Amino acid sequence: MKMIHKVFLLFCLICSLPTWASKLVIKSQPEGAEIFLLANGQRPVRIGATPYEANLSEVVNTYVKGSSFLLELKKPGHNPYRLLLAKTADVDIELTANLELDKAISNIKEHDLLMNKLFDVQKMVRGRNFRDAILKLDELEKQHPNLSIIPELKATAYYMSKEVEQALSYYRKAFSLNPDNADAYRMKLYLEKKMGIDSEVK
């Protein structure tokens, strides 16, 4: 009788211990990505947005009938992020997804950033801060070696600081990069004539 009592007490003790439900935790950079679950060829089901935390067994039992499922994260302006997972409710799943910026959006942002830097350079030149303007243009020229506007601005800074030979060199470079750059071509011809140099592109 005592043995039965002990077993019963042990059973009660086990039942009273807390049970730990497995978790599904999804984060993303940037935050606010919508989370979709795709299973068994069904239409995607939106289950929330990042940051997201739920009981994994509830999610699996509600939406997943087969042996695997696909999680997909979507955010406007970013490439979707997909991850295939085996059906399970016994382990915690913690996912942190870095969403890549859509290439078209990325190019626009890069273009806008370059324009802002060039406007800053123009302000330096107008303020006769030629040294800093040229140093900034040196950096931009390394990043964008095929843009004629950068050597053209550098030529202008040199011309305004009365370093005519350097100015001519960069006007020539700007014109060689873009033969349709009419301003660089006019300044190239003007300086060549002023310096008594035959017209040529170097």
N, C-alpha and C. Protein backbone atom coordinates (compact mmCIF):
# COMPACT_ATOMS: atom_id res chain seq x y z
N MET A 1 0.83 -1.20 0.00
CA MET A 1 0.00 0.00 0.00
C MET A 1 0.87 1.25 0.00
N LYS A 2 1.98 1.20 0.80
CA LYS A 2 2.89 2.33 0.84
C LYS A 2 3.54 2.55 -0.53
N MET A 3 3.85 1.42 -1.19
CA MET A 3 4.48 1.50 -2.52
C MET A 3 3.56 2.19 -3.50
N ILE A 4 2.27 1.85 -3.51
CA ILE A 4 1.29 2.48 -4.39
C ILE A 4 1.18 3.97 -4.08
N HIS A 5 1.23 4.30 -2.81
CA HIS A 5 1.13 5.69 -2.38
C HIS A 5 2.32 6.49 -2.92
N LYS A 6 3.55 5.87 -2.84
CA LYS A 6 4.74 6.55 -3.33
C LYS A 6 4.67 6.78 -4.84
N VAL A 7 4.20 5.77 -5.57
CA VAL A 7 4.07 5.90 -7.03
C VAL A 7 3.09 7.00 -7.37
N PHE A 8 2.00 7.05 -6.64
CA PHE A 8 1.00 8.09 -6.89
C PHE A 8 1.56 9.48 -6.63
N LEU A 9 2.34 9.59 -5.54
CA LEU A 9 2.96 10.88 -5.23
C LEU A 9 3.94 11.28 -6.33
N LEU A 10 4.73 10.29 -6.81
CA LEU A 10 5.69 10.56 -7.89
C LEU A 10 4.96 11.01 -9.15
N PHE A 11 3.85 10.35 -9.48
CA PHE A 11 3.05 10.72 -10.65
C PHE A 11 2.52 12.15 -10.52
N CYS A 12 2.04 12.49 -9.34
CA CYS A 12 1.54 13.85 -9.10
C CYS A 12 2.65 14.88 -9.24
N LEU A 13 3.86 14.51 -8.76
CA LEU A 13 5.00 15.42 -8.85
C LEU A 13 5.38 15.68 -10.31
N ILE A 14 5.42 14.62 -11.11
CA ILE A 14 5.77 14.76 -12.53
C ILE A 14 4.73 15.62 -13.25
N CYS A 15 3.48 15.39 -12.96
CA CYS A 15 2.42 16.15 -13.62
C CYS A 15 2.45 17.62 -13.24
N SER A 16 2.98 17.88 -12.03
CA SER A 16 3.00 19.28 -11.59
C SER A 16 4.20 20.05 -12.12
N LEU A 17 5.19 19.36 -12.71
CA LEU A 17 6.35 20.05 -13.28
C LEU A 17 5.94 20.86 -14.50
N PRO A 18 6.54 22.03 -14.72
CA PRO A 18 6.18 22.84 -15.88
C PRO A 18 6.59 22.16 -17.18
N THR A 19 5.77 22.27 -18.20
CA THR A 19 6.11 21.73 -19.52
C THR A 19 6.54 22.88 -20.40
N TRP A 20 7.63 22.68 -21.15
CA TRP A 20 8.20 23.75 -21.96
C TRP A 20 7.79 23.55 -23.42
N ALA A 21 6.94 24.43 -23.91
CA ALA A 21 6.51 24.34 -25.30
C ALA A 21 7.62 24.85 -26.21
N SER A 22 7.85 24.18 -27.32
CA SER A 22 8.86 24.63 -28.27
C SER A 22 8.40 25.94 -28.91
N LYS A 23 9.39 26.77 -29.27
CA LYS A 23 9.09 28.11 -29.77
C LYS A 23 9.53 28.26 -31.23
N LEU A 24 8.82 29.13 -31.92
CA LEU A 24 9.22 29.58 -33.25
C LEU A 24 9.48 31.07 -33.13
N VAL A 25 10.75 31.46 -33.28
CA VAL A 25 11.15 32.86 -33.16
C VAL A 25 11.76 33.31 -34.48
N ILE A 26 11.21 34.37 -35.06
CA ILE A 26 11.71 34.87 -36.34
C ILE A 26 11.98 36.36 -36.22
N LYS A 27 13.21 36.74 -36.55
CA LYS A 27 13.60 38.15 -36.57
C LYS A 27 14.15 38.49 -37.95
N SER A 28 14.20 39.75 -38.26
CA SER A 28 14.76 40.15 -39.57
C SER A 28 15.41 41.51 -39.46
N GLN A 29 16.35 41.74 -40.34
CA GLN A 29 16.94 43.06 -40.53
C GLN A 29 16.70 43.48 -41.96
N PRO A 30 15.93 44.53 -42.23
CA PRO A 30 15.20 45.34 -41.25
C PRO A 30 13.97 44.61 -40.72
N GLU A 31 13.41 45.15 -39.64
CA GLU A 31 12.22 44.55 -39.06
C GLU A 31 10.99 44.88 -39.90
N GLY A 32 9.88 44.25 -39.55
CA GLY A 32 8.61 44.55 -40.23
C GLY A 32 8.38 43.72 -41.48
N ALA A 33 9.14 42.63 -41.65
CA ALA A 33 8.92 41.75 -42.80
C ALA A 33 7.71 40.86 -42.54
N GLU A 34 6.86 40.69 -43.52
CA GLU A 34 5.71 39.80 -43.39
C GLU A 34 6.18 38.35 -43.52
N ILE A 35 5.58 37.48 -42.71
CA ILE A 35 5.97 36.06 -42.69
C ILE A 35 4.85 35.21 -43.28
N PHE A 36 5.22 34.41 -44.27
CA PHE A 36 4.25 33.52 -44.91
C PHE A 36 4.71 32.08 -44.74
N LEU A 37 3.75 31.20 -44.58
CA LEU A 37 4.03 29.77 -44.47
C LEU A 37 3.40 29.07 -45.67
N LEU A 38 4.22 28.26 -46.36
CA LEU A 38 3.75 27.53 -47.53
C LEU A 38 3.92 26.04 -47.27
N ALA A 39 2.84 25.27 -47.44
CA ALA A 39 2.92 23.83 -47.20
C ALA A 39 1.97 23.09 -48.13
N ASN A 40 2.44 21.95 -48.63
CA ASN A 40 1.60 21.04 -49.43
C ASN A 40 1.00 21.70 -50.67
N GLY A 41 1.72 22.60 -51.29
CA GLY A 41 1.22 23.23 -52.49
C GLY A 41 0.05 24.17 -52.26
N GLN A 42 -0.24 24.47 -51.00
CA GLN A 42 -1.35 25.37 -50.70
C GLN A 42 -0.92 26.82 -50.91
N ARG A 43 -1.90 27.70 -50.92
CA ARG A 43 -1.60 29.12 -51.05
C ARG A 43 -0.87 29.59 -49.80
N PRO A 44 0.06 30.54 -49.95
CA PRO A 44 0.79 31.04 -48.78
C PRO A 44 -0.16 31.60 -47.73
N VAL A 45 0.15 31.32 -46.47
CA VAL A 45 -0.65 31.82 -45.35
C VAL A 45 0.21 32.80 -44.56
N ARG A 46 -0.31 34.01 -44.37
CA ARG A 46 0.42 35.00 -43.58
C ARG A 46 0.21 34.70 -42.10
N ILE A 47 1.32 34.52 -41.37
CA ILE A 47 1.19 34.18 -39.96
C ILE A 47 1.63 35.33 -39.04
N GLY A 48 2.17 36.41 -39.62
CA GLY A 48 2.58 37.53 -38.79
C GLY A 48 3.66 38.35 -39.45
N ALA A 49 4.36 39.14 -38.64
CA ALA A 49 5.45 39.99 -39.14
C ALA A 49 6.56 40.00 -38.10
N THR A 50 7.77 40.26 -38.56
CA THR A 50 8.92 40.27 -37.65
C THR A 50 8.96 41.56 -36.83
N PRO A 51 9.42 41.47 -35.57
CA PRO A 51 9.83 40.27 -34.84
C PRO A 51 8.60 39.44 -34.45
N TYR A 52 8.77 38.11 -34.51
CA TYR A 52 7.63 37.20 -34.35
C TYR A 52 8.02 36.07 -33.40
N GLU A 53 7.09 35.71 -32.50
CA GLU A 53 7.31 34.56 -31.62
C GLU A 53 5.98 33.85 -31.42
N ALA A 54 6.01 32.52 -31.55
CA ALA A 54 4.78 31.74 -31.40
C ALA A 54 5.12 30.35 -30.90
N ASN A 55 4.10 29.63 -30.49
CA ASN A 55 4.23 28.23 -30.10
C ASN A 55 4.38 27.41 -31.38
N LEU A 56 5.53 26.76 -31.54
CA LEU A 56 5.82 26.04 -32.78
C LEU A 56 4.82 24.92 -33.04
N SER A 57 4.49 24.17 -32.01
CA SER A 57 3.56 23.05 -32.22
C SER A 57 2.20 23.53 -32.70
N GLU A 58 1.73 24.68 -32.20
CA GLU A 58 0.45 25.23 -32.65
C GLU A 58 0.51 25.61 -34.13
N VAL A 59 1.61 26.25 -34.52
CA VAL A 59 1.77 26.65 -35.93
C VAL A 59 1.81 25.42 -36.83
N VAL A 60 2.63 24.44 -36.45
CA VAL A 60 2.77 23.22 -37.25
C VAL A 60 1.46 22.47 -37.34
N ASN A 61 0.79 22.27 -36.22
CA ASN A 61 -0.47 21.51 -36.22
C ASN A 61 -1.58 22.22 -36.98
N THR A 62 -1.53 23.55 -37.02
CA THR A 62 -2.58 24.33 -37.70
C THR A 62 -2.38 24.34 -39.21
N TYR A 63 -1.14 24.48 -39.65
CA TYR A 63 -0.91 24.75 -41.08
C TYR A 63 -0.19 23.64 -41.85
N VAL A 64 0.55 22.78 -41.17
CA VAL A 64 1.41 21.83 -41.88
C VAL A 64 0.82 20.43 -41.82
N LYS A 65 0.54 19.87 -42.99
CA LYS A 65 0.00 18.51 -43.08
C LYS A 65 1.06 17.50 -43.54
N GLY A 66 2.01 17.97 -44.33
CA GLY A 66 3.04 17.08 -44.86
C GLY A 66 4.25 17.00 -43.95
N SER A 67 5.39 16.63 -44.52
CA SER A 67 6.61 16.42 -43.73
C SER A 67 7.51 17.65 -43.69
N SER A 68 7.19 18.69 -44.47
CA SER A 68 8.03 19.89 -44.49
C SER A 68 7.18 21.11 -44.82
N PHE A 69 7.76 22.27 -44.62
CA PHE A 69 7.07 23.52 -44.95
C PHE A 69 8.10 24.59 -45.28
N LEU A 70 7.66 25.62 -45.94
CA LEU A 70 8.54 26.70 -46.38
C LEU A 70 8.12 27.99 -45.68
N LEU A 71 9.10 28.66 -45.05
CA LEU A 71 8.86 29.99 -44.49
C LEU A 71 9.37 31.03 -45.48
N GLU A 72 8.59 32.05 -45.72
CA GLU A 72 9.00 33.11 -46.64
C GLU A 72 8.78 34.46 -45.96
N LEU A 73 9.82 35.30 -46.01
CA LEU A 73 9.74 36.65 -45.46
C LEU A 73 9.75 37.64 -46.61
N LYS A 74 8.81 38.60 -46.55
CA LYS A 74 8.71 39.60 -47.61
C LYS A 74 8.64 41.00 -47.01
N LYS A 75 9.36 41.92 -47.65
CA LYS A 75 9.30 43.33 -47.27
C LYS A 75 9.50 44.16 -48.53
N PRO A 76 8.64 45.16 -48.77
CA PRO A 76 8.77 45.98 -49.98
C PRO A 76 10.18 46.56 -50.11
N GLY A 77 10.71 46.51 -51.34
CA GLY A 77 12.04 47.04 -51.61
C GLY A 77 13.17 46.07 -51.30
N HIS A 78 12.83 44.85 -50.86
CA HIS A 78 13.84 43.86 -50.51
C HIS A 78 13.54 42.54 -51.22
N ASN A 79 14.59 41.75 -51.43
CA ASN A 79 14.40 40.42 -52.00
C ASN A 79 13.79 39.50 -50.95
N PRO A 80 12.86 38.62 -51.37
CA PRO A 80 12.26 37.70 -50.40
C PRO A 80 13.30 36.72 -49.84
N TYR A 81 13.05 36.29 -48.62
CA TYR A 81 13.92 35.33 -47.94
C TYR A 81 13.12 34.06 -47.71
N ARG A 82 13.65 32.91 -48.15
CA ARG A 82 12.93 31.63 -48.02
C ARG A 82 13.79 30.61 -47.29
N LEU A 83 13.11 29.79 -46.48
CA LEU A 83 13.80 28.74 -45.74
C LEU A 83 12.90 27.52 -45.65
N LEU A 84 13.42 26.35 -46.09
CA LEU A 84 12.68 25.09 -46.04
C LEU A 84 12.98 24.40 -44.72
N LEU A 85 11.91 23.98 -44.00
CA LEU A 85 12.07 23.34 -42.70
C LEU A 85 11.32 22.02 -42.66
N ALA A 86 11.87 21.06 -41.92
CA ALA A 86 11.18 19.79 -41.70
C ALA A 86 10.11 19.99 -40.64
N LYS A 87 9.03 19.28 -40.78
CA LYS A 87 7.95 19.38 -39.81
C LYS A 87 8.43 18.83 -38.48
N THR A 88 8.37 19.66 -37.45
CA THR A 88 8.76 19.25 -36.11
C THR A 88 8.09 20.15 -35.11
N ALA A 89 7.85 19.63 -33.93
CA ALA A 89 7.30 20.46 -32.85
C ALA A 89 8.09 20.23 -31.57
N ASP A 90 9.26 19.59 -31.70
CA ASP A 90 10.01 19.17 -30.52
C ASP A 90 11.22 20.05 -30.22
N VAL A 91 11.57 20.94 -31.13
CA VAL A 91 12.76 21.78 -30.90
C VAL A 91 12.41 23.24 -31.13
N ASP A 92 13.15 24.11 -30.48
CA ASP A 92 12.98 25.54 -30.73
C ASP A 92 13.60 25.90 -32.08
N ILE A 93 12.93 26.77 -32.80
CA ILE A 93 13.47 27.28 -34.06
C ILE A 93 13.62 28.78 -33.92
N GLU A 94 14.85 29.25 -34.03
CA GLU A 94 15.12 30.69 -33.97
C GLU A 94 15.82 31.10 -35.26
N LEU A 95 15.22 32.03 -35.96
CA LEU A 95 15.72 32.45 -37.27
C LEU A 95 15.91 33.96 -37.29
N THR A 96 17.10 34.38 -37.75
CA THR A 96 17.35 35.80 -37.99
C THR A 96 17.72 35.96 -39.46
N ALA A 97 16.90 36.67 -40.21
CA ALA A 97 17.10 36.81 -41.66
C ALA A 97 17.56 38.22 -41.99
N ASN A 98 18.65 38.31 -42.76
CA ASN A 98 19.10 39.60 -43.27
C ASN A 98 18.54 39.77 -44.69
N LEU A 99 17.59 40.66 -44.83
CA LEU A 99 16.93 40.85 -46.12
C LEU A 99 17.77 41.76 -47.01
N GLU A 100 18.12 41.27 -48.18
CA GLU A 100 18.92 42.06 -49.11
C GLU A 100 18.04 43.08 -49.82
N LEU A 101 18.58 44.28 -49.98
CA LEU A 101 17.86 45.33 -50.69
C LEU A 101 17.72 44.96 -52.15
N ASP A 102 16.55 45.17 -52.71
CA ASP A 102 16.32 44.92 -54.13
C ASP A 102 17.33 45.71 -54.95
N LYS A 103 17.91 45.09 -55.98
CA LYS A 103 19.00 45.71 -56.74
C LYS A 103 18.59 47.04 -57.35
N ALA A 104 17.36 47.11 -57.88
CA ALA A 104 16.90 48.37 -58.49
C ALA A 104 16.83 49.47 -57.44
N ILE A 105 16.30 49.14 -56.26
CA ILE A 105 16.22 50.12 -55.17
C ILE A 105 17.60 50.50 -54.70
N SER A 106 18.49 49.50 -54.62
CA SER A 106 19.85 49.74 -54.18
C SER A 106 20.57 50.70 -55.13
N ASN A 107 20.37 50.51 -56.44
CA ASN A 107 21.00 51.39 -57.42
C ASN A 107 20.51 52.82 -57.30
N ILE A 108 19.21 52.98 -57.04
CA ILE A 108 18.64 54.32 -56.88
C ILE A 108 19.23 55.00 -55.65
N LYS A 109 19.34 54.25 -54.55
CA LYS A 109 19.90 54.82 -53.32
C LYS A 109 21.36 55.19 -53.51
N GLU A 110 22.10 54.33 -54.22
CA GLU A 110 23.51 54.62 -54.48
C GLU A 110 23.64 55.87 -55.35
N HIS A 111 22.76 56.01 -56.34
CA HIS A 111 22.77 57.18 -57.20
C HIS A 111 22.47 58.45 -56.40
N ASP A 112 21.46 58.38 -55.53
CA ASP A 112 21.10 59.54 -54.71
C ASP A 112 22.25 59.93 -53.79
N LEU A 113 22.92 58.93 -53.22
CA LEU A 113 24.05 59.21 -52.33
C LEU A 113 25.18 59.89 -53.08
N LEU A 114 25.45 59.42 -54.30
CA LEU A 114 26.50 60.05 -55.12
C LEU A 114 26.14 61.49 -55.45
N MET A 115 24.86 61.73 -55.82
CA MET A 115 24.43 63.09 -56.15
C MET A 115 24.62 64.03 -54.95
N ASN A 116 24.29 63.54 -53.76
CA ASN A 116 24.45 64.36 -52.55
C ASN A 116 25.92 64.70 -52.32
N LYS A 117 26.80 63.74 -52.56
CA LYS A 117 28.23 63.99 -52.37
C LYS A 117 28.76 65.00 -53.40
N LEU A 118 28.24 64.89 -54.63
CA LEU A 118 28.67 65.85 -55.67
C LEU A 118 28.16 67.25 -55.38
N PHE A 119 26.95 67.36 -54.83
CA PHE A 119 26.42 68.67 -54.43
C PHE A 119 27.30 69.27 -53.32
N ASP A 120 27.75 68.42 -52.39
CA ASP A 120 28.63 68.89 -51.32
C ASP A 120 29.94 69.42 -51.90
N VAL A 121 30.46 68.70 -52.90
CA VAL A 121 31.70 69.14 -53.55
C VAL A 121 31.49 70.49 -54.24
N GLN A 122 30.35 70.65 -54.92
CA GLN A 122 30.07 71.93 -55.58
C GLN A 122 30.01 73.08 -54.58
N LYS A 123 29.45 72.82 -53.40
CA LYS A 123 29.40 73.85 -52.35
C LYS A 123 30.82 74.22 -51.91
N MET A 124 31.68 73.21 -51.78
CA MET A 124 33.08 73.47 -51.40
C MET A 124 33.77 74.35 -52.45
N VAL A 125 33.54 74.02 -53.73
CA VAL A 125 34.17 74.78 -54.82
C VAL A 125 33.66 76.21 -54.82
N ARG A 126 32.33 76.39 -54.67
CA ARG A 126 31.77 77.75 -54.63
C ARG A 126 32.29 78.53 -53.43
N GLY A 127 32.57 77.80 -52.34
CA GLY A 127 33.13 78.45 -51.15
C GLY A 127 34.64 78.57 -51.20
N ARG A 128 35.23 78.24 -52.35
CA ARG A 128 36.66 78.32 -52.60
C ARG A 128 37.48 77.42 -51.67
N ASN A 129 36.85 76.34 -51.24
CA ASN A 129 37.55 75.33 -50.44
C ASN A 129 38.03 74.23 -51.39
N PHE A 130 39.00 74.60 -52.21
CA PHE A 130 39.41 73.73 -53.31
C PHE A 130 40.12 72.46 -52.84
N ARG A 131 40.95 72.55 -51.81
CA ARG A 131 41.71 71.39 -51.36
C ARG A 131 40.77 70.27 -50.90
N ASP A 132 39.80 70.62 -50.05
CA ASP A 132 38.87 69.61 -49.55
C ASP A 132 38.01 69.05 -50.68
N ALA A 133 37.64 69.92 -51.60
CA ALA A 133 36.83 69.47 -52.75
C ALA A 133 37.60 68.44 -53.57
N ILE A 134 38.88 68.71 -53.81
CA ILE A 134 39.70 67.79 -54.62
C ILE A 134 39.93 66.47 -53.88
N LEU A 135 40.14 66.54 -52.56
CA LEU A 135 40.32 65.32 -51.78
C LEU A 135 39.05 64.46 -51.82
N LYS A 136 37.90 65.11 -51.72
CA LYS A 136 36.63 64.38 -51.78
C LYS A 136 36.45 63.76 -53.16
N LEU A 137 36.81 64.50 -54.20
CA LEU A 137 36.70 63.99 -55.56
C LEU A 137 37.67 62.84 -55.82
N ASP A 138 38.83 62.87 -55.17
CA ASP A 138 39.77 61.74 -55.28
C ASP A 138 39.12 60.45 -54.80
N GLU A 139 38.39 60.53 -53.67
CA GLU A 139 37.70 59.36 -53.13
C GLU A 139 36.61 58.89 -54.09
N LEU A 140 35.82 59.84 -54.60
CA LEU A 140 34.72 59.48 -55.50
C LEU A 140 35.23 58.90 -56.80
N GLU A 141 36.38 59.39 -57.25
CA GLU A 141 36.95 58.89 -58.51
C GLU A 141 37.37 57.43 -58.39
N LYS A 142 37.85 57.03 -57.20
CA LYS A 142 38.20 55.63 -56.98
C LYS A 142 36.96 54.75 -56.98
N GLN A 143 35.86 55.27 -56.45
CA GLN A 143 34.62 54.50 -56.37
C GLN A 143 33.89 54.45 -57.70
N HIS A 144 34.01 55.54 -58.50
CA HIS A 144 33.28 55.64 -59.77
C HIS A 144 34.23 56.10 -60.87
N PRO A 145 35.16 55.22 -61.29
CA PRO A 145 36.22 55.64 -62.23
C PRO A 145 35.73 55.96 -63.63
N ASN A 146 34.50 55.59 -63.97
CA ASN A 146 34.02 55.79 -65.35
C ASN A 146 33.07 56.97 -65.50
N LEU A 147 32.86 57.73 -64.45
CA LEU A 147 31.96 58.89 -64.54
C LEU A 147 32.75 60.14 -64.91
N SER A 148 32.34 60.82 -65.97
CA SER A 148 33.09 62.00 -66.44
C SER A 148 32.84 63.23 -65.57
N ILE A 149 31.72 63.26 -64.85
CA ILE A 149 31.40 64.44 -64.04
C ILE A 149 32.42 64.65 -62.92
N ILE A 150 33.02 63.55 -62.45
CA ILE A 150 33.97 63.67 -61.33
C ILE A 150 35.27 64.34 -61.78
N PRO A 151 35.95 63.85 -62.84
CA PRO A 151 37.13 64.60 -63.30
C PRO A 151 36.80 66.00 -63.80
N GLU A 152 35.59 66.21 -64.30
CA GLU A 152 35.21 67.56 -64.74
C GLU A 152 35.15 68.52 -63.54
N LEU A 153 34.54 68.06 -62.45
CA LEU A 153 34.50 68.89 -61.25
C LEU A 153 35.90 69.11 -60.67
N LYS A 154 36.71 68.07 -60.76
CA LYS A 154 38.09 68.21 -60.27
C LYS A 154 38.85 69.23 -61.12
N ALA A 155 38.63 69.19 -62.43
CA ALA A 155 39.26 70.16 -63.34
C ALA A 155 38.81 71.58 -63.00
N THR A 156 37.53 71.73 -62.70
CA THR A 156 37.00 73.06 -62.34
C THR A 156 37.65 73.58 -61.06
N ALA A 157 37.81 72.68 -60.08
CA ALA A 157 38.45 73.09 -58.83
C ALA A 157 39.90 73.52 -59.07
N TYR A 158 40.61 72.75 -59.90
CA TYR A 158 41.99 73.12 -60.22
C TYR A 158 42.04 74.43 -61.00
N TYR A 159 41.13 74.63 -61.93
CA TYR A 159 41.11 75.85 -62.74
C TYR A 159 40.87 77.08 -61.87
N MET A 160 39.90 76.94 -60.94
CA MET A 160 39.58 78.08 -60.08
C MET A 160 40.69 78.36 -59.07
N SER A 161 41.52 77.35 -58.78
CA SER A 161 42.66 77.58 -57.89
C SER A 161 43.93 77.91 -58.68
N LYS A 162 43.72 78.21 -60.00
CA LYS A 162 44.77 78.66 -60.91
C LYS A 162 45.86 77.61 -61.16
N GLU A 163 45.51 76.34 -61.03
CA GLU A 163 46.42 75.25 -61.40
C GLU A 163 45.97 74.75 -62.77
N VAL A 164 46.37 75.51 -63.80
CA VAL A 164 45.82 75.35 -65.14
C VAL A 164 46.23 74.02 -65.78
N GLU A 165 47.45 73.61 -65.59
CA GLU A 165 47.89 72.35 -66.21
C GLU A 165 47.11 71.15 -65.66
N GLN A 166 46.90 71.14 -64.35
CA GLN A 166 46.09 70.08 -63.73
C GLN A 166 44.65 70.14 -64.24
N ALA A 167 44.14 71.36 -64.38
CA ALA A 167 42.77 71.53 -64.87
C ALA A 167 42.63 70.94 -66.27
N LEU A 168 43.59 71.26 -67.15
CA LEU A 168 43.52 70.75 -68.52
C LEU A 168 43.58 69.22 -68.53
N SER A 169 44.44 68.66 -67.70
CA SER A 169 44.57 67.21 -67.64
C SER A 169 43.23 66.55 -67.29
N TYR A 170 42.51 67.13 -66.34
CA TYR A 170 41.24 66.52 -65.92
C TYR A 170 40.09 66.84 -66.87
N TYR A 171 40.14 67.99 -67.55
CA TYR A 171 39.13 68.24 -68.59
C TYR A 171 39.31 67.23 -69.73
N ARG A 172 40.56 66.96 -70.06
CA ARG A 172 40.82 65.95 -71.09
C ARG A 172 40.32 64.57 -70.66
N LYS A 173 40.56 64.25 -69.40
CA LYS A 173 40.10 62.96 -68.90
C LYS A 173 38.58 62.86 -68.93
N ALA A 174 37.91 63.94 -68.52
CA ALA A 174 36.44 63.94 -68.53
C ALA A 174 35.91 63.75 -69.95
N PHE A 175 36.54 64.42 -70.92
CA PHE A 175 36.09 64.31 -72.31
C PHE A 175 36.38 62.92 -72.87
N SER A 176 37.51 62.32 -72.46
CA SER A 176 37.83 60.97 -72.95
C SER A 176 36.85 59.93 -72.40
N LEU A 177 36.36 60.16 -71.19
CA LEU A 177 35.38 59.24 -70.60
C LEU A 177 34.01 59.40 -71.24
N ASN A 178 33.71 60.64 -71.63
CA ASN A 178 32.40 60.92 -72.24
C ASN A 178 32.55 61.97 -73.33
N PRO A 179 32.71 61.55 -74.59
CA PRO A 179 32.85 62.50 -75.70
C PRO A 179 31.64 63.41 -75.90
N ASP A 180 30.52 63.10 -75.24
CA ASP A 180 29.34 63.96 -75.33
C ASP A 180 29.32 65.03 -74.24
N ASN A 181 30.35 65.07 -73.42
CA ASN A 181 30.43 66.07 -72.37
C ASN A 181 30.90 67.39 -72.99
N ALA A 182 29.93 68.19 -73.38
CA ALA A 182 30.23 69.41 -74.13
C ALA A 182 30.99 70.43 -73.28
N ASP A 183 30.66 70.55 -72.00
CA ASP A 183 31.34 71.54 -71.15
C ASP A 183 32.82 71.19 -70.99
N ALA A 184 33.11 69.91 -70.77
CA ALA A 184 34.51 69.49 -70.64
C ALA A 184 35.26 69.74 -71.94
N TYR A 185 34.59 69.49 -73.09
CA TYR A 185 35.23 69.69 -74.39
C TYR A 185 35.55 71.17 -74.63
N ARG A 186 34.60 72.05 -74.30
CA ARG A 186 34.83 73.49 -74.49
C ARG A 186 35.98 73.98 -73.63
N MET A 187 36.01 73.56 -72.38
CA MET A 187 37.09 74.00 -71.49
C MET A 187 38.44 73.41 -71.93
N LYS A 188 38.41 72.19 -72.43
CA LYS A 188 39.64 71.58 -72.95
C LYS A 188 40.21 72.41 -74.10
N LEU A 189 39.36 72.76 -75.07
CA LEU A 189 39.81 73.56 -76.21
C LEU A 189 40.29 74.94 -75.77
N TYR A 190 39.56 75.54 -74.82
CA TYR A 190 39.91 76.89 -74.34
C TYR A 190 41.30 76.89 -73.69
N LEU A 191 41.55 75.91 -72.82
CA LEU A 191 42.83 75.88 -72.13
C LEU A 191 43.97 75.50 -73.07
N GLU A 192 43.69 74.59 -74.00
CA GLU A 192 44.72 74.24 -74.98
C GLU A 192 45.12 75.45 -75.81
N LYS A 193 44.14 76.24 -76.22
CA LYS A 193 44.42 77.45 -77.01
C LYS A 193 45.18 78.47 -76.18
N LYS A 194 44.73 78.63 -74.94
CA LYS A 194 45.36 79.60 -74.04
C LYS A 194 46.81 79.24 -73.76
N MET A 195 47.08 77.94 -73.68
CA MET A 195 48.43 77.48 -73.34
C MET A 195 49.27 77.18 -74.59
N GLY A 196 48.67 77.36 -75.77
CA GLY A 196 49.38 77.12 -77.01
C GLY A 196 49.71 75.67 -77.23
N ILE A 197 48.77 74.79 -76.84
CA ILE A 197 48.97 73.36 -76.97
C ILE A 197 48.06 72.81 -78.05
N ASP A 198 48.59 71.90 -78.88
CA ASP A 198 47.75 71.28 -79.92
C ASP A 198 46.62 70.50 -79.26
N SER A 199 45.46 70.56 -79.88
CA SER A 199 44.28 69.87 -79.34
C SER A 199 44.49 68.37 -79.44
N GLU A 200 44.39 67.69 -78.30
CA GLU A 200 44.51 66.25 -78.28
C GLU A 200 43.84 65.74 -77.00
N VAL A 201 43.56 64.48 -77.00
CA VAL A 201 42.95 63.85 -75.83
C VAL A 201 43.97 62.93 -75.20
N LYS A 202 44.24 63.14 -73.94
CA LYS A 202 45.18 62.27 -73.22
C LYS A 202 44.45 61.58 -72.08
